[in-house]
C-alpha atoms as a PDB file:
ATOM      1  CA  UNK A   1      77.231   0.930  35.565  1.00  0.00           C
ATOM      2  CA  UNK A   2      77.844   0.718  39.370  1.00  0.00           C
ATOM      3  CA  UNK A   3      75.371  -1.325  41.503  1.00  0.00           C
ATOM      4  CA  UNK A   4      75.664   1.471  43.778  1.00  0.00           C
ATOM      5  CA  UNK A   5      74.950   4.165  41.246  1.00  0.00           C
ATOM      6  CA  UNK A   6      72.473   2.642  40.196  1.00  0.00           C
ATOM      7  CA  UNK A   7      70.659   1.595  43.553  1.00  0.00           C
ATOM      8  CA  UNK A   8      70.664   5.543  44.183  1.00  0.00           C
ATOM      9  CA  UNK A   9      69.991   7.231  41.063  1.00  0.00           C
ATOM     10  CA  UNK A  10      66.447   5.293  40.310  1.00  0.00           C
ATOM     11  CA  UNK A  11      67.045   4.438  36.308  1.00  0.00           C
ATOM     12  CA  UNK A  12      63.993   3.950  34.813  1.00  0.00           C
ATOM     13  CA  UNK A  13      64.100   1.046  32.716  1.00  0.00           C
ATOM     14  CA  UNK A  14      61.798  -0.085  29.844  1.00  0.00           C
ATOM     15  CA  UNK A  15      61.400  -3.786  29.673  1.00  0.00           C
ATOM     16  CA  UNK A  16      59.342  -5.381  26.381  1.00  0.00           C
ATOM     17  CA  UNK A  17      57.668  -8.575  28.416  1.00  0.00           C
ATOM     18  CA  UNK A  18      58.343 -12.334  26.438  1.00  0.00           C
ATOM     19  CA  UNK A  19      54.791 -12.016  23.820  1.00  0.00           C
ATOM     20  CA  UNK A  20      54.494 -15.953  25.930  1.00  0.00           C
ATOM     21  CA  UNK A  21      52.996 -16.400  29.577  1.00  0.00           C
ATOM     22  CA  UNK A  22      55.600 -18.826  30.410  1.00  0.00           C
ATOM     23  CA  UNK A  23      58.548 -16.876  29.439  1.00  0.00           C
ATOM     24  CA  UNK A  24      57.208 -13.759  30.945  1.00  0.00           C
ATOM     25  CA  UNK A  25      57.624 -15.804  34.680  1.00  0.00           C
ATOM     26  CA  UNK A  26      60.355 -17.410  33.985  1.00  0.00           C
ATOM     27  CA  UNK A  27      61.659 -13.395  33.287  1.00  0.00           C
ATOM     28  CA  UNK A  28      60.764 -12.893  37.074  1.00  0.00           C
ATOM     29  CA  UNK A  29      63.925 -13.523  38.322  1.00  0.00           C
ATOM     30  CA  UNK A  30      65.327 -11.109  36.173  1.00  0.00           C
ATOM     31  CA  UNK A  31      62.419  -8.025  36.902  1.00  0.00           C
ATOM     32  CA  UNK A  32      63.056  -8.363  40.516  1.00  0.00           C
ATOM     33  CA  UNK A  33      66.499  -8.312  40.219  1.00  0.00           C
ATOM     34  CA  UNK A  34      66.043  -5.101  38.234  1.00  0.00           C
ATOM     35  CA  UNK A  35      63.706  -3.471  40.867  1.00  0.00           C
ATOM     36  CA  UNK A  36      66.331  -5.020  43.996  1.00  0.00           C
ATOM     37  CA  UNK A  37      69.419  -2.491  41.752  1.00  0.00           C
ATOM     38  CA  UNK A  38      67.039   0.591  41.921  1.00  0.00           C
ATOM     39  CA  UNK A  39      65.670   0.257  38.710  1.00  0.00           C
ATOM     40  CA  UNK A  40      62.331   1.696  37.651  1.00  0.00           C
ATOM     41  CA  UNK A  41      60.753  -1.043  35.285  1.00  0.00           C
ATOM     42  CA  UNK A  42      57.580   0.164  32.650  1.00  0.00           C
ATOM     43  CA  UNK A  43      57.346  -2.650  31.014  1.00  0.00           C
ATOM     44  CA  UNK A  44      55.014  -3.110  27.367  1.00  0.00           C
ATOM     45  CA  UNK A  45      53.983  -7.018  26.381  1.00  0.00           C
ATOM     46  CA  UNK A  46      50.548  -8.226  25.710  1.00  0.00           C
ATOM     47  CA  UNK A  47      47.089  -7.519  26.707  1.00  0.00           C
ATOM     48  CA  UNK A  48      47.158 -10.305  29.378  1.00  0.00           C
ATOM     49  CA  UNK A  49      50.746  -9.746  31.257  1.00  0.00           C
ATOM     50  CA  UNK A  50      49.517  -6.295  32.911  1.00  0.00           C
ATOM     51  CA  UNK A  51      46.519  -9.215  34.704  1.00  0.00           C
ATOM     52  CA  UNK A  52      49.689 -11.788  34.896  1.00  0.00           C
ATOM     53  CA  UNK A  53      51.886  -8.915  37.246  1.00  0.00           C
ATOM     54  CA  UNK A  54      49.420  -7.338  38.576  1.00  0.00           C
ATOM     55  CA  UNK A  55      50.841  -8.030  42.606  1.00  0.00           C
ATOM     56  CA  UNK A  56      53.912  -6.841  41.408  1.00  0.00           C
ATOM     57  CA  UNK A  57      53.107  -2.517  41.400  1.00  0.00           C
ATOM     58  CA  UNK A  58      54.621  -2.818  38.191  1.00  0.00           C
ATOM     59  CA  UNK A  59      53.153  -0.101  35.036  1.00  0.00           C
ATOM     60  CA  UNK A  60      51.980  -2.733  32.117  1.00  0.00           C
ATOM     61  CA  UNK A  61      51.617  -1.030  28.639  1.00  0.00           C
ATOM     62  CA  UNK A  62      49.598  -2.941  26.259  1.00  0.00           C
ATOM     63  CA  UNK A  63      51.080  -3.092  22.946  1.00  0.00           C
ATOM     64  CA  UNK A  64      48.900  -2.799  20.055  1.00  0.00           C
ATOM     65  CA  UNK A  65      48.201  -5.891  18.927  1.00  0.00           C
ATOM     66  CA  UNK A  66      49.404  -6.978  15.220  1.00  0.00           C
ATOM     67  CA  UNK A  67      52.174  -4.915  15.356  1.00  0.00           C
ATOM     68  CA  UNK A  68      56.171  -6.293  14.954  1.00  0.00           C
ATOM     69  CA  UNK A  69      57.847  -5.911  18.072  1.00  0.00           C
ATOM     70  CA  UNK A  70      59.996  -3.055  17.432  1.00  0.00           C
ATOM     71  CA  UNK A  71      57.373  -1.085  16.108  1.00  0.00           C
ATOM     72  CA  UNK A  72      55.061  -1.280  19.006  1.00  0.00           C
ATOM     73  CA  UNK A  73      57.730  -0.818  21.203  1.00  0.00           C
ATOM     74  CA  UNK A  74      59.246   2.545  18.639  1.00  0.00           C
ATOM     75  CA  UNK A  75      56.333   3.661  18.915  1.00  0.00           C
ATOM     76  CA  UNK A  76      55.139   3.525  22.280  1.00  0.00           C
ATOM     77  CA  UNK A  77      58.242   5.142  23.204  1.00  0.00           C
ATOM     78  CA  UNK A  78      57.358   8.338  20.740  1.00  0.00           C
ATOM     79  CA  UNK A  79      53.567   9.053  21.535  1.00  0.00           C
ATOM     80  CA  UNK A  80      56.167   9.071  24.768  1.00  0.00           C
ATOM     81  CA  UNK A  81      57.569  11.782  23.926  1.00  0.00           C
ATOM     82  CA  UNK A  82      55.108  13.742  22.388  1.00  0.00           C
ATOM     83  CA  UNK A  83      53.312  13.719  25.880  1.00  0.00           C
END
């Protein structure tokens, strides 16, 4: 997709955050760049991720504990489509 069309359209983008605090911090430049190019971010991660990223204004969905990452994101996506 061309950068200009991304910025105009406000493409929604669901991002599964890494499990480790340091890895989430290292992902911040990429998340900021995606947002700067027009992506509307919706993040999913561990329970502490919402507090860590609160200053950025991105919605962070707390993933249920005990599920593998792929299963958790799939269950969240399924619930969102039912709403």
